[in-house]
Amino acid sequence: MSYQLRDALLSDVPGILDIYNDAVRNTTAIWNETPVDLVNRQAWFAARAQQGYPILVAVDETGVLGYASFGDWRPFEGFRNTVEHSVYVRSDQRGKGLGPALMTLLVERARSGGKHVMVAAIESGNAASVRLHERLGFVTTGQMPQVGVKFGRWLDLTFMQLLLNPGAAPTSA
């Protein structure tokens, strides 16, 4: 399988939209129940760019195969060194190593950008995602039973985190 990992371009947003909406419709990876439109994903893309946060894509001749990004974990100054990430792979490309490849590059970007912690919020039944994060060094830090609902059932949330720069001094605002 030949693909390229790179920063997303505005022209990649329709492919990102397709992957996002497939996850909304068919998985518990995203806890939204309503698909979004192109304007929504363009606004998301612009907000990430304005904040200086990356959006990475895996692409081949067929288009966007997967994407990953991170953003602020909480909107308070005291959390400025912590980010929460998202990684999604097109349904026909899962299990081919794209998730780990995107995540590895995303972690490098967060680390080189001076972030201290990366947080993952994973639906607890998503064993493949939990395993992926464990392989990348994330540790489980919390379990929240029945905090969400989708497809007519309660969903549990697993929090995992990765210390990006252990021993680093806190940065000021």
N, C-alpha and C. Protein backbone atom coordinates (compact mmCIF):
# COMPACT_ATOMS: atom_id res chain seq x y z
N MET A 1 0.86 -1.18 0.00
CA MET A 1 0.00 0.00 0.00
C MET A 1 0.89 1.23 0.00
N SER A 2 0.70 2.07 -0.98
CA SER A 2 1.51 3.27 -1.10
C SER A 2 0.64 4.49 -0.79
N TYR A 3 1.06 5.25 0.20
CA TYR A 3 0.33 6.46 0.55
C TYR A 3 1.33 7.50 1.04
N GLN A 4 0.84 8.72 1.15
CA GLN A 4 1.66 9.83 1.61
C GLN A 4 1.01 10.41 2.87
N LEU A 5 1.83 10.73 3.87
CA LEU A 5 1.36 11.47 5.04
C LEU A 5 1.80 12.92 4.87
N ARG A 6 0.87 13.85 5.06
CA ARG A 6 1.20 15.26 4.91
C ARG A 6 0.19 16.12 5.64
N ASP A 7 0.49 17.41 5.71
CA ASP A 7 -0.47 18.36 6.25
C ASP A 7 -1.64 18.45 5.28
N ALA A 8 -2.84 18.55 5.84
CA ALA A 8 -4.04 18.64 5.02
C ALA A 8 -4.10 19.98 4.29
N LEU A 9 -4.70 19.93 3.12
CA LEU A 9 -4.98 21.11 2.33
C LEU A 9 -6.49 21.34 2.35
N LEU A 10 -6.90 22.55 2.06
CA LEU A 10 -8.33 22.84 2.00
C LEU A 10 -9.02 21.89 1.02
N SER A 11 -8.33 21.51 -0.03
CA SER A 11 -8.92 20.59 -1.02
C SER A 11 -9.14 19.18 -0.46
N ASP A 12 -8.55 18.86 0.70
CA ASP A 12 -8.76 17.56 1.35
C ASP A 12 -10.03 17.52 2.19
N VAL A 13 -10.62 18.68 2.45
CA VAL A 13 -11.76 18.73 3.37
C VAL A 13 -12.94 17.86 2.91
N PRO A 14 -13.30 17.80 1.63
CA PRO A 14 -14.40 16.89 1.26
C PRO A 14 -14.11 15.43 1.63
N GLY A 15 -12.87 14.97 1.48
CA GLY A 15 -12.52 13.61 1.88
C GLY A 15 -12.59 13.43 3.38
N ILE A 16 -12.15 14.44 4.13
CA ILE A 16 -12.25 14.42 5.58
C ILE A 16 -13.72 14.37 6.00
N LEU A 17 -14.55 15.15 5.32
CA LEU A 17 -15.99 15.17 5.60
C LEU A 17 -16.60 13.79 5.40
N ASP A 18 -16.24 13.11 4.33
CA ASP A 18 -16.79 11.76 4.07
C ASP A 18 -16.42 10.80 5.19
N ILE A 19 -15.16 10.83 5.63
CA ILE A 19 -14.71 9.94 6.71
C ILE A 19 -15.42 10.28 8.01
N TYR A 20 -15.53 11.57 8.31
CA TYR A 20 -16.20 12.02 9.54
C TYR A 20 -17.65 11.55 9.55
N ASN A 21 -18.37 11.82 8.45
CA ASN A 21 -19.79 11.46 8.43
C ASN A 21 -20.02 9.95 8.44
N ASP A 22 -19.10 9.18 7.84
CA ASP A 22 -19.21 7.73 7.93
C ASP A 22 -19.10 7.29 9.40
N ALA A 23 -18.16 7.90 10.13
CA ALA A 23 -18.00 7.57 11.56
C ALA A 23 -19.23 7.98 12.35
N VAL A 24 -19.83 9.11 12.01
CA VAL A 24 -21.07 9.54 12.69
C VAL A 24 -22.17 8.53 12.45
N ARG A 25 -22.34 8.12 11.21
CA ARG A 25 -23.45 7.23 10.86
C ARG A 25 -23.27 5.79 11.34
N ASN A 26 -22.02 5.31 11.38
CA ASN A 26 -21.80 3.87 11.52
C ASN A 26 -20.96 3.42 12.70
N THR A 27 -20.43 4.34 13.50
CA THR A 27 -19.54 3.92 14.59
C THR A 27 -19.89 4.69 15.88
N THR A 28 -19.29 4.24 16.95
CA THR A 28 -19.38 4.97 18.21
C THR A 28 -18.09 5.74 18.48
N ALA A 29 -17.27 5.92 17.46
CA ALA A 29 -16.04 6.70 17.61
C ALA A 29 -16.36 8.18 17.80
N ILE A 30 -17.42 8.64 17.15
CA ILE A 30 -17.90 10.02 17.30
C ILE A 30 -19.29 9.92 17.90
N TRP A 31 -19.52 10.67 18.95
CA TRP A 31 -20.80 10.55 19.64
C TRP A 31 -21.85 11.53 19.14
N ASN A 32 -21.63 12.11 18.00
CA ASN A 32 -22.67 12.88 17.33
C ASN A 32 -23.54 11.92 16.54
N GLU A 33 -24.80 12.28 16.38
CA GLU A 33 -25.73 11.42 15.65
C GLU A 33 -26.16 12.03 14.34
N THR A 34 -25.79 13.29 14.10
CA THR A 34 -26.21 14.00 12.91
C THR A 34 -25.01 14.32 12.03
N PRO A 35 -25.00 13.84 10.80
CA PRO A 35 -23.91 14.19 9.90
C PRO A 35 -23.82 15.71 9.72
N VAL A 36 -22.61 16.16 9.37
CA VAL A 36 -22.38 17.59 9.17
C VAL A 36 -22.19 17.87 7.68
N ASP A 37 -22.20 19.16 7.33
CA ASP A 37 -22.03 19.53 5.93
C ASP A 37 -20.61 20.06 5.70
N LEU A 38 -20.33 20.37 4.45
CA LEU A 38 -19.00 20.83 4.07
C LEU A 38 -18.63 22.14 4.77
N VAL A 39 -19.59 23.02 4.94
CA VAL A 39 -19.33 24.29 5.61
C VAL A 39 -18.85 24.05 7.05
N ASN A 40 -19.42 23.08 7.73
CA ASN A 40 -19.01 22.73 9.08
C ASN A 40 -17.55 22.28 9.11
N ARG A 41 -17.17 21.37 8.22
CA ARG A 41 -15.79 20.87 8.21
C ARG A 41 -14.81 21.95 7.73
N GLN A 42 -15.25 22.85 6.86
CA GLN A 42 -14.38 23.95 6.44
C GLN A 42 -14.12 24.89 7.62
N ALA A 43 -15.15 25.13 8.44
CA ALA A 43 -14.99 25.98 9.63
C ALA A 43 -14.05 25.30 10.62
N TRP A 44 -14.19 23.99 10.81
CA TRP A 44 -13.29 23.23 11.68
C TRP A 44 -11.85 23.34 11.19
N PHE A 45 -11.65 23.17 9.88
CA PHE A 45 -10.33 23.27 9.27
C PHE A 45 -9.74 24.67 9.53
N ALA A 46 -10.53 25.70 9.30
CA ALA A 46 -10.06 27.08 9.50
C ALA A 46 -9.72 27.35 10.96
N ALA A 47 -10.53 26.82 11.88
CA ALA A 47 -10.27 27.02 13.32
C ALA A 47 -8.96 26.36 13.73
N ARG A 48 -8.72 25.14 13.26
CA ARG A 48 -7.45 24.46 13.57
C ARG A 48 -6.27 25.28 13.04
N ALA A 49 -6.40 25.77 11.81
CA ALA A 49 -5.32 26.56 11.20
C ALA A 49 -5.08 27.84 12.01
N GLN A 50 -6.15 28.50 12.41
CA GLN A 50 -6.02 29.74 13.19
C GLN A 50 -5.33 29.48 14.52
N GLN A 51 -5.61 28.34 15.13
CA GLN A 51 -5.00 27.98 16.41
C GLN A 51 -3.57 27.45 16.25
N GLY A 52 -3.16 27.21 15.02
CA GLY A 52 -1.83 26.66 14.78
C GLY A 52 -1.72 25.17 15.03
N TYR A 53 -2.86 24.49 15.02
CA TYR A 53 -2.87 23.05 15.27
C TYR A 53 -2.90 22.29 13.94
N PRO A 54 -2.19 21.16 13.88
CA PRO A 54 -2.11 20.43 12.61
C PRO A 54 -3.36 19.61 12.32
N ILE A 55 -3.57 19.43 11.04
CA ILE A 55 -4.48 18.40 10.53
C ILE A 55 -3.62 17.61 9.55
N LEU A 56 -3.43 16.35 9.84
CA LEU A 56 -2.61 15.48 9.00
C LEU A 56 -3.52 14.55 8.21
N VAL A 57 -3.12 14.24 7.00
CA VAL A 57 -3.88 13.29 6.18
C VAL A 57 -2.95 12.22 5.64
N ALA A 58 -3.53 11.06 5.43
CA ALA A 58 -2.92 9.99 4.65
C ALA A 58 -3.68 10.00 3.34
N VAL A 59 -2.95 10.11 2.22
CA VAL A 59 -3.60 10.20 0.92
C VAL A 59 -2.93 9.25 -0.07
N ASP A 60 -3.71 8.82 -1.04
CA ASP A 60 -3.17 8.12 -2.20
C ASP A 60 -3.95 8.62 -3.41
N GLU A 61 -3.83 7.93 -4.53
CA GLU A 61 -4.48 8.40 -5.75
C GLU A 61 -6.01 8.39 -5.63
N THR A 62 -6.58 7.66 -4.66
CA THR A 62 -8.03 7.63 -4.49
C THR A 62 -8.54 8.76 -3.60
N GLY A 63 -7.63 9.49 -2.93
CA GLY A 63 -8.05 10.59 -2.08
C GLY A 63 -7.58 10.42 -0.65
N VAL A 64 -8.35 10.97 0.28
CA VAL A 64 -8.01 10.94 1.70
C VAL A 64 -8.36 9.57 2.27
N LEU A 65 -7.34 8.92 2.85
CA LEU A 65 -7.52 7.59 3.44
C LEU A 65 -7.77 7.67 4.94
N GLY A 66 -7.31 8.76 5.56
CA GLY A 66 -7.46 8.96 6.99
C GLY A 66 -6.95 10.33 7.37
N TYR A 67 -7.31 10.76 8.57
CA TYR A 67 -6.83 12.05 9.04
C TYR A 67 -6.68 12.04 10.55
N ALA A 68 -5.87 12.96 11.04
CA ALA A 68 -5.65 13.09 12.48
C ALA A 68 -5.40 14.56 12.80
N SER A 69 -5.83 14.96 13.98
CA SER A 69 -5.62 16.34 14.41
C SER A 69 -5.67 16.39 15.93
N PHE A 70 -5.23 17.51 16.47
CA PHE A 70 -5.46 17.76 17.89
C PHE A 70 -5.87 19.21 18.09
N GLY A 71 -6.50 19.43 19.24
CA GLY A 71 -6.93 20.77 19.61
C GLY A 71 -6.90 20.90 21.11
N ASP A 72 -7.30 22.06 21.58
CA ASP A 72 -7.31 22.31 23.02
C ASP A 72 -8.16 21.25 23.73
N TRP A 73 -7.63 20.77 24.86
CA TRP A 73 -8.40 19.81 25.64
C TRP A 73 -9.53 20.50 26.39
N ARG A 74 -9.23 21.59 27.05
CA ARG A 74 -10.23 22.39 27.76
C ARG A 74 -9.91 23.85 27.47
N PRO A 75 -10.90 24.72 27.44
CA PRO A 75 -10.67 26.11 27.03
C PRO A 75 -10.25 27.05 28.17
N PHE A 76 -9.40 26.56 29.06
CA PHE A 76 -8.94 27.37 30.18
C PHE A 76 -7.42 27.46 30.12
N GLU A 77 -6.88 28.59 30.51
CA GLU A 77 -5.44 28.82 30.41
C GLU A 77 -4.60 27.73 31.08
N GLY A 78 -5.07 27.24 32.20
CA GLY A 78 -4.30 26.24 32.93
C GLY A 78 -4.11 24.93 32.18
N PHE A 79 -4.90 24.72 31.12
CA PHE A 79 -4.78 23.50 30.31
C PHE A 79 -4.04 23.74 29.00
N ARG A 80 -3.33 24.88 28.88
CA ARG A 80 -2.70 25.26 27.61
C ARG A 80 -1.66 24.26 27.10
N ASN A 81 -1.14 23.41 27.96
CA ASN A 81 -0.11 22.46 27.55
C ASN A 81 -0.67 21.07 27.24
N THR A 82 -2.00 20.94 27.27
CA THR A 82 -2.66 19.65 27.06
C THR A 82 -3.56 19.74 25.83
N VAL A 83 -3.48 18.72 24.98
CA VAL A 83 -4.31 18.66 23.79
C VAL A 83 -5.06 17.32 23.77
N GLU A 84 -6.19 17.32 23.07
CA GLU A 84 -6.95 16.09 22.82
C GLU A 84 -6.91 15.84 21.32
N HIS A 85 -6.69 14.61 20.94
CA HIS A 85 -6.56 14.31 19.52
C HIS A 85 -7.74 13.51 18.99
N SER A 86 -7.80 13.48 17.66
CA SER A 86 -8.75 12.64 16.93
C SER A 86 -8.00 11.99 15.79
N VAL A 87 -8.32 10.75 15.53
CA VAL A 87 -7.76 10.05 14.37
C VAL A 87 -8.85 9.16 13.79
N TYR A 88 -9.06 9.27 12.48
CA TYR A 88 -10.10 8.51 11.80
C TYR A 88 -9.55 7.99 10.49
N VAL A 89 -9.87 6.75 10.17
CA VAL A 89 -9.42 6.11 8.95
C VAL A 89 -10.64 5.68 8.15
N ARG A 90 -10.57 5.88 6.84
CA ARG A 90 -11.68 5.50 5.95
C ARG A 90 -12.01 4.03 6.16
N SER A 91 -13.28 3.69 6.14
CA SER A 91 -13.73 2.34 6.52
C SER A 91 -13.06 1.24 5.69
N ASP A 92 -12.78 1.48 4.43
CA ASP A 92 -12.15 0.44 3.61
C ASP A 92 -10.63 0.38 3.78
N GLN A 93 -10.08 1.23 4.65
CA GLN A 93 -8.62 1.27 4.86
C GLN A 93 -8.21 0.87 6.28
N ARG A 94 -9.18 0.55 7.12
CA ARG A 94 -8.85 0.21 8.51
C ARG A 94 -8.07 -1.10 8.58
N GLY A 95 -7.16 -1.17 9.56
CA GLY A 95 -6.36 -2.37 9.77
C GLY A 95 -5.14 -2.45 8.87
N LYS A 96 -4.81 -1.38 8.17
CA LYS A 96 -3.67 -1.38 7.24
C LYS A 96 -2.51 -0.54 7.75
N GLY A 97 -2.57 -0.10 9.02
CA GLY A 97 -1.46 0.65 9.59
C GLY A 97 -1.54 2.16 9.48
N LEU A 98 -2.62 2.67 8.92
CA LEU A 98 -2.74 4.12 8.76
C LEU A 98 -2.93 4.83 10.09
N GLY A 99 -3.72 4.26 10.99
CA GLY A 99 -3.94 4.88 12.31
C GLY A 99 -2.64 5.07 13.06
N PRO A 100 -1.82 4.01 13.21
CA PRO A 100 -0.54 4.19 13.89
C PRO A 100 0.38 5.19 13.19
N ALA A 101 0.40 5.18 11.86
CA ALA A 101 1.25 6.11 11.13
C ALA A 101 0.82 7.55 11.38
N LEU A 102 -0.46 7.81 11.29
CA LEU A 102 -0.97 9.16 11.54
C LEU A 102 -0.72 9.59 12.98
N MET A 103 -0.99 8.66 13.92
CA MET A 103 -0.80 8.99 15.33
C MET A 103 0.65 9.26 15.68
N THR A 104 1.57 8.48 15.12
CA THR A 104 2.99 8.68 15.41
C THR A 104 3.44 10.08 14.97
N LEU A 105 3.03 10.47 13.77
CA LEU A 105 3.38 11.81 13.29
C LEU A 105 2.68 12.89 14.11
N LEU A 106 1.44 12.65 14.50
CA LEU A 106 0.72 13.64 15.30
C LEU A 106 1.37 13.84 16.67
N VAL A 107 1.79 12.75 17.29
CA VAL A 107 2.48 12.84 18.59
C VAL A 107 3.77 13.64 18.43
N GLU A 108 4.51 13.38 17.35
CA GLU A 108 5.74 14.15 17.10
C GLU A 108 5.44 15.64 16.97
N ARG A 109 4.36 15.97 16.27
CA ARG A 109 3.98 17.38 16.10
C ARG A 109 3.63 18.03 17.44
N ALA A 110 2.90 17.32 18.26
CA ALA A 110 2.53 17.86 19.58
C ALA A 110 3.77 18.05 20.44
N ARG A 111 4.64 17.06 20.42
CA ARG A 111 5.86 17.11 21.21
C ARG A 111 6.74 18.28 20.74
N SER A 112 6.95 18.40 19.46
CA SER A 112 7.81 19.48 18.94
C SER A 112 7.15 20.84 19.10
N GLY A 113 5.84 20.86 19.24
CA GLY A 113 5.11 22.11 19.47
C GLY A 113 5.07 22.52 20.94
N GLY A 114 5.76 21.76 21.79
CA GLY A 114 5.85 22.14 23.20
C GLY A 114 4.68 21.69 24.05
N LYS A 115 3.81 20.84 23.52
CA LYS A 115 2.70 20.34 24.33
C LYS A 115 3.25 19.31 25.32
N HIS A 116 2.57 19.18 26.44
CA HIS A 116 3.06 18.30 27.51
C HIS A 116 2.28 16.99 27.60
N VAL A 117 0.97 17.04 27.37
CA VAL A 117 0.12 15.85 27.49
C VAL A 117 -0.82 15.79 26.29
N MET A 118 -1.00 14.58 25.77
CA MET A 118 -2.03 14.34 24.76
C MET A 118 -3.05 13.40 25.37
N VAL A 119 -4.31 13.78 25.26
CA VAL A 119 -5.43 13.04 25.84
C VAL A 119 -6.20 12.34 24.72
N ALA A 120 -6.63 11.12 25.02
CA ALA A 120 -7.51 10.37 24.13
C ALA A 120 -8.79 10.06 24.90
N ALA A 121 -9.93 10.31 24.28
CA ALA A 121 -11.22 9.94 24.84
C ALA A 121 -11.82 8.89 23.90
N ILE A 122 -11.89 7.66 24.36
CA ILE A 122 -12.22 6.52 23.50
C ILE A 122 -13.45 5.80 24.05
N GLU A 123 -14.38 5.48 23.16
CA GLU A 123 -15.52 4.65 23.58
C GLU A 123 -14.95 3.33 24.07
N SER A 124 -15.29 2.97 25.29
CA SER A 124 -14.62 1.86 25.98
C SER A 124 -14.70 0.53 25.24
N GLY A 125 -15.70 0.33 24.41
CA GLY A 125 -15.82 -0.90 23.65
C GLY A 125 -14.94 -0.95 22.41
N ASN A 126 -14.25 0.13 22.11
CA ASN A 126 -13.40 0.19 20.92
C ASN A 126 -12.02 -0.38 21.26
N ALA A 127 -11.96 -1.69 21.35
CA ALA A 127 -10.73 -2.37 21.77
C ALA A 127 -9.56 -2.09 20.83
N ALA A 128 -9.81 -1.96 19.53
CA ALA A 128 -8.72 -1.70 18.59
C ALA A 128 -8.08 -0.34 18.87
N SER A 129 -8.89 0.65 19.17
CA SER A 129 -8.35 1.98 19.47
C SER A 129 -7.59 1.98 20.79
N VAL A 130 -8.13 1.30 21.78
CA VAL A 130 -7.43 1.20 23.07
C VAL A 130 -6.07 0.54 22.88
N ARG A 131 -6.02 -0.57 22.12
CA ARG A 131 -4.75 -1.26 21.86
C ARG A 131 -3.77 -0.37 21.11
N LEU A 132 -4.25 0.35 20.11
CA LEU A 132 -3.39 1.27 19.36
C LEU A 132 -2.74 2.28 20.30
N HIS A 133 -3.55 2.87 21.16
CA HIS A 133 -3.03 3.88 22.09
C HIS A 133 -2.04 3.27 23.08
N GLU A 134 -2.34 2.07 23.55
CA GLU A 134 -1.39 1.40 24.46
C GLU A 134 -0.05 1.16 23.76
N ARG A 135 -0.09 0.72 22.50
CA ARG A 135 1.16 0.49 21.76
C ARG A 135 1.96 1.78 21.59
N LEU A 136 1.29 2.91 21.56
CA LEU A 136 1.97 4.20 21.41
C LEU A 136 2.40 4.80 22.75
N GLY A 137 2.15 4.08 23.85
CA GLY A 137 2.60 4.54 25.16
C GLY A 137 1.55 5.25 25.99
N PHE A 138 0.32 5.36 25.50
CA PHE A 138 -0.76 5.96 26.28
C PHE A 138 -1.13 5.03 27.43
N VAL A 139 -1.52 5.61 28.54
CA VAL A 139 -1.99 4.84 29.69
C VAL A 139 -3.42 5.25 30.02
N THR A 140 -4.19 4.30 30.51
CA THR A 140 -5.57 4.60 30.92
C THR A 140 -5.54 5.38 32.21
N THR A 141 -6.26 6.49 32.21
CA THR A 141 -6.30 7.35 33.39
C THR A 141 -7.69 7.47 33.99
N GLY A 142 -8.70 6.97 33.28
CA GLY A 142 -10.05 7.07 33.83
C GLY A 142 -11.07 6.30 33.02
N GLN A 143 -12.12 5.90 33.69
CA GLN A 143 -13.25 5.21 33.08
C GLN A 143 -14.52 5.92 33.53
N MET A 144 -15.38 6.25 32.58
CA MET A 144 -16.63 6.93 32.90
C MET A 144 -17.79 6.13 32.31
N PRO A 145 -18.45 5.32 33.14
CA PRO A 145 -19.56 4.49 32.64
C PRO A 145 -20.78 5.32 32.25
N GLN A 146 -21.40 4.94 31.15
CA GLN A 146 -22.71 5.44 30.72
C GLN A 146 -22.79 6.96 30.63
N VAL A 147 -21.73 7.62 30.15
CA VAL A 147 -21.77 9.08 30.02
C VAL A 147 -22.28 9.53 28.66
N GLY A 148 -22.45 8.59 27.72
CA GLY A 148 -22.95 8.94 26.41
C GLY A 148 -23.98 7.95 25.94
N VAL A 149 -24.63 8.30 24.83
CA VAL A 149 -25.63 7.41 24.25
C VAL A 149 -25.58 7.55 22.73
N LYS A 150 -25.69 6.41 22.06
CA LYS A 150 -25.78 6.39 20.61
C LYS A 150 -26.31 5.03 20.21
N PHE A 151 -27.03 4.98 19.12
CA PHE A 151 -27.63 3.74 18.62
C PHE A 151 -28.49 3.07 19.68
N GLY A 152 -29.12 3.88 20.54
CA GLY A 152 -30.04 3.35 21.54
C GLY A 152 -29.41 2.63 22.71
N ARG A 153 -28.11 2.87 22.93
CA ARG A 153 -27.47 2.23 24.09
C ARG A 153 -26.52 3.20 24.77
N TRP A 154 -26.27 2.91 26.04
CA TRP A 154 -25.33 3.72 26.82
C TRP A 154 -23.91 3.44 26.36
N LEU A 155 -23.09 4.48 26.39
CA LEU A 155 -21.68 4.34 26.02
C LEU A 155 -20.80 4.72 27.20
N ASP A 156 -19.75 3.95 27.38
CA ASP A 156 -18.75 4.23 28.42
C ASP A 156 -17.56 4.91 27.76
N LEU A 157 -16.89 5.76 28.50
CA LEU A 157 -15.76 6.52 27.99
C LEU A 157 -14.49 6.15 28.75
N THR A 158 -13.44 5.85 27.99
CA THR A 158 -12.12 5.58 28.56
C THR A 158 -11.23 6.77 28.23
N PHE A 159 -10.61 7.33 29.26
CA PHE A 159 -9.62 8.38 29.04
C PHE A 159 -8.24 7.75 29.10
N MET A 160 -7.42 8.12 28.12
CA MET A 160 -6.02 7.70 28.10
C MET A 160 -5.18 8.94 27.87
N GLN A 161 -3.92 8.89 28.30
CA GLN A 161 -3.06 10.03 28.06
C GLN A 161 -1.63 9.59 27.84
N LEU A 162 -0.91 10.46 27.16
CA LEU A 162 0.50 10.26 26.89
C LEU A 162 1.26 11.50 27.35
N LEU A 163 2.25 11.31 28.22
CA LEU A 163 3.14 12.41 28.59
C LEU A 163 4.11 12.60 27.44
N LEU A 164 4.07 13.76 26.82
CA LEU A 164 4.87 14.02 25.64
C LEU A 164 6.29 14.45 25.98
N ASN A 165 6.42 15.23 27.01
CA ASN A 165 7.72 15.78 27.41
C ASN A 165 7.90 15.61 28.92
N PRO A 166 8.10 14.36 29.38
CA PRO A 166 8.25 14.12 30.80
C PRO A 166 9.40 14.96 31.38
N GLY A 167 9.16 15.54 32.54
CA GLY A 167 10.18 16.34 33.21
C GLY A 167 10.26 17.78 32.75
N ALA A 168 9.49 18.15 31.72
CA ALA A 168 9.51 19.53 31.24
C ALA A 168 8.89 20.47 32.27
N ALA A 169 9.42 21.66 32.36
CA ALA A 169 8.86 22.68 33.25
C ALA A 169 7.59 23.24 32.62
N PRO A 170 6.60 23.61 33.44
CA PRO A 170 5.38 24.22 32.91
C PRO A 170 5.69 25.53 32.20
N THR A 171 4.91 25.82 31.16
CA THR A 171 5.08 27.09 30.45
C THR A 171 4.04 28.08 30.94
N SER A 172 4.39 29.32 30.91
CA SER A 172 3.48 30.39 31.33
C SER A 172 2.62 30.84 30.17
N ALA A 173 1.55 31.52 30.52
CA ALA A 173 0.63 32.04 29.49
C ALA A 173 1.27 33.15 28.70
